[in-house]
């Protein structure tokens, strides 16, 4: 980990991620790159994240699209890149080869970890794997993760 990233993440015992609403997206249904503010438990913004995805992918593939999420500190220093390839959702295709996978990298493109989706029929569940491929911990979500305008909680175990 870079010293800047370690300085930001080390004291954390939880975070809240807030997605910025885009008026054009809400009114017109035109998908735009997502933006997020990341807060510590005291409500202080500690990180900012923004999506880099191609326009046609956002419109044609929706939430299944390939994207890179760039995470910066409050001074706009890039700390992490989260890269997800285009893959089918496990909910519509029973084959485990279609589960979501996300690579976490630090600049300049140093692999840090991977998050892989585990197949479940309704609860979202993910595993974080280190550089050797060993599972570090799991991330479990609420039963219903298609809620609009309310919090979705994930627990790390």
Protein backbone atom coordinates (compact mmCIF):
# COMPACT_ATOMS: atom_id res chain seq x y z
CA UNK A 1 0.00 0.00 0.00
CA UNK A 2 1.12 3.52 -0.65
CA UNK A 3 1.85 5.62 2.48
CA UNK A 4 -1.03 7.99 1.60
CA UNK A 5 -3.52 5.14 1.31
CA UNK A 6 -2.32 3.51 4.51
CA UNK A 7 -2.63 6.85 6.35
CA UNK A 8 -6.28 7.20 5.22
CA UNK A 9 -7.40 3.59 5.77
CA UNK A 10 -5.53 2.53 8.91
CA UNK A 11 -7.66 4.34 11.53
CA UNK A 12 -11.01 3.32 9.97
CA UNK A 13 -13.49 0.97 11.58
CA UNK A 14 -16.20 1.68 9.02
CA UNK A 15 -17.13 3.94 6.10
CA UNK A 16 -20.23 5.36 4.47
CA UNK A 17 -20.30 5.69 0.68
CA UNK A 18 -22.64 8.31 -0.77
CA UNK A 19 -23.45 8.24 -4.48
CA UNK A 20 -23.98 11.68 -6.00
CA UNK A 21 -27.32 11.99 -7.79
CA UNK A 22 -27.18 13.28 -11.33
CA UNK A 23 -30.24 15.29 -12.38
CA UNK A 24 -29.83 14.43 -16.08
CA UNK A 25 -29.61 10.75 -15.27
CA UNK A 26 -32.71 10.84 -13.07
CA UNK A 27 -34.82 12.97 -15.43
CA UNK A 28 -33.75 11.55 -18.79
CA UNK A 29 -32.68 8.02 -17.88
CA UNK A 30 -29.32 8.67 -19.57
CA UNK A 31 -26.57 6.82 -17.67
CA UNK A 32 -23.59 8.97 -16.75
CA UNK A 33 -20.36 8.18 -14.93
CA UNK A 34 -21.07 7.73 -11.22
CA UNK A 35 -19.40 9.81 -8.51
CA UNK A 36 -19.09 8.97 -4.82
CA UNK A 37 -18.01 10.66 -1.60
CA UNK A 38 -16.62 8.35 1.08
CA UNK A 39 -17.00 9.33 4.74
CA UNK A 40 -15.63 8.00 8.02
CA UNK A 41 -17.97 7.26 10.96
CA UNK A 42 -17.63 10.86 12.17
CA UNK A 43 -19.10 12.11 8.88
CA UNK A 44 -15.84 13.58 7.54
CA UNK A 45 -15.17 13.08 3.83
CA UNK A 46 -11.97 11.06 3.53
CA UNK A 47 -12.03 9.90 -0.10
CA UNK A 48 -13.69 10.65 -3.42
CA UNK A 49 -14.35 8.13 -6.18
CA UNK A 50 -15.43 8.56 -9.76
CA UNK A 51 -16.21 6.15 -12.54
CA UNK A 52 -14.54 6.04 -15.93
CA UNK A 53 -16.71 4.03 -18.33
CA UNK A 54 -17.46 4.43 -22.00
CA UNK A 55 -20.78 6.01 -22.95
CA UNK A 56 -22.03 3.09 -25.07
CA UNK A 57 -21.26 0.63 -22.25
CA UNK A 58 -23.24 2.69 -19.74
CA UNK A 59 -26.26 2.88 -22.07
CA UNK A 60 -26.18 -0.68 -23.46
CA UNK A 61 -24.96 -2.79 -20.53
CA UNK A 62 -26.15 -0.75 -17.54
CA UNK A 63 -24.97 -2.13 -14.20
CA UNK A 64 -23.11 -5.02 -15.90
CA UNK A 65 -20.77 -2.64 -17.75
CA UNK A 66 -17.01 -2.66 -17.67
CA UNK A 67 -15.60 0.26 -15.70
CA UNK A 68 -12.68 1.69 -13.76
CA UNK A 69 -13.40 3.44 -10.48
CA UNK A 70 -10.71 5.94 -9.52
CA UNK A 71 -10.38 6.63 -5.79
CA UNK A 72 -8.64 9.84 -4.69
CA UNK A 73 -7.93 11.58 -1.42
CA UNK A 74 -9.35 15.03 -0.72
CA UNK A 75 -6.36 16.62 -2.51
CA UNK A 76 -7.18 14.66 -5.72
CA UNK A 77 -4.18 12.32 -5.37
CA UNK A 78 -5.03 8.98 -6.96
CA UNK A 79 -4.85 6.18 -4.38
CA UNK A 80 -6.68 3.22 -5.91
CA UNK A 81 -8.06 1.94 -9.18
CA UNK A 82 -10.90 -0.56 -9.11
CA UNK A 83 -11.30 -2.30 -12.46
CA UNK A 84 -14.23 -4.52 -13.38
CA UNK A 85 -14.58 -6.26 -16.74
CA UNK A 86 -17.89 -6.68 -18.56
CA UNK A 87 -19.55 -9.84 -17.24
CA UNK A 88 -23.03 -11.29 -17.10
CA UNK A 89 -24.88 -11.18 -13.79
CA UNK A 90 -24.94 -14.39 -11.76
CA UNK A 91 -28.66 -13.85 -11.13
CA UNK A 92 -29.60 -14.28 -14.80
CA UNK A 93 -27.06 -16.94 -15.70
CA UNK A 94 -26.53 -19.96 -13.47
CA UNK A 95 -22.99 -20.58 -14.70
CA UNK A 96 -20.36 -19.63 -12.12
CA UNK A 97 -18.06 -18.40 -14.89
CA UNK A 98 -20.19 -15.25 -15.10
CA UNK A 99 -19.77 -14.04 -11.53
CA UNK A 100 -18.52 -10.48 -11.06
CA UNK A 101 -14.85 -9.83 -10.35
CA UNK A 102 -13.15 -6.57 -9.43
CA UNK A 103 -9.39 -5.94 -9.40
CA UNK A 104 -7.96 -3.42 -6.94
CA UNK A 105 -4.74 -1.71 -7.99
CA UNK A 106 -2.57 1.07 -6.62
CA UNK A 107 -0.81 3.53 -8.92
CA UNK A 108 1.13 2.74 -11.07
CA UNK A 109 -0.99 -0.39 -11.79
CA UNK A 110 0.27 -2.56 -8.92
CA UNK A 111 -2.17 -5.39 -8.15
CA UNK A 112 -3.33 -5.20 -4.53
CA UNK A 113 -6.34 -7.52 -4.26
CA UNK A 114 -9.40 -8.91 -6.03
CA UNK A 115 -13.04 -9.00 -5.00
CA UNK A 116 -14.99 -11.93 -6.42
CA UNK A 117 -18.72 -12.54 -6.26
CA UNK A 118 -19.88 -15.82 -4.74
CA UNK A 119 -22.95 -17.45 -6.24
CA UNK A 120 -26.02 -17.09 -4.02
CA UNK A 121 -29.68 -17.08 -4.92
CA UNK A 122 -30.55 -13.78 -3.21
CA UNK A 123 -27.95 -12.36 -0.79
CA UNK A 124 -25.03 -10.50 -2.35
CA UNK A 125 -21.80 -12.05 -1.09
CA UNK A 126 -18.21 -11.31 -2.09
CA UNK A 127 -14.73 -12.51 -1.13
CA UNK A 128 -11.64 -10.32 -0.96
CA UNK A 129 -8.52 -12.17 -2.08
CA UNK A 130 -4.96 -10.98 -1.56
CA UNK A 131 -2.16 -11.01 -4.15
CA UNK A 132 -1.58 -14.74 -3.57
CA UNK A 133 -5.27 -15.54 -4.17
CA UNK A 134 -5.97 -16.35 -0.50
CA UNK A 135 -9.33 -15.21 0.88
CA UNK A 136 -8.81 -12.36 3.35
CA UNK A 137 -12.45 -11.79 4.32
CA UNK A 138 -16.01 -11.90 3.03
CA UNK A 139 -18.45 -9.07 2.40
CA UNK A 140 -22.16 -9.79 2.85
CA UNK A 141 -25.04 -7.53 1.84
CA UNK A 142 -28.68 -7.07 2.76
CA UNK A 143 -31.36 -9.39 1.43
CA UNK A 144 -32.72 -6.75 -0.93
CA UNK A 145 -30.03 -4.72 -2.67
CA UNK A 146 -32.26 -3.02 -5.26
CA UNK A 147 -33.49 -0.25 -2.96
CA UNK A 148 -33.79 3.30 -4.18
CA UNK A 149 -32.88 6.34 -2.07
CA UNK A 150 -31.97 4.41 1.08
CA UNK A 151 -28.94 2.81 2.66
CA UNK A 152 -27.68 -0.62 1.68
CA UNK A 153 -25.54 -2.18 4.39
CA UNK A 154 -22.62 -4.52 3.82
CA UNK A 155 -20.83 -6.35 6.62
CA UNK A 156 -17.25 -7.60 6.44
CA UNK A 157 -16.58 -10.90 8.17
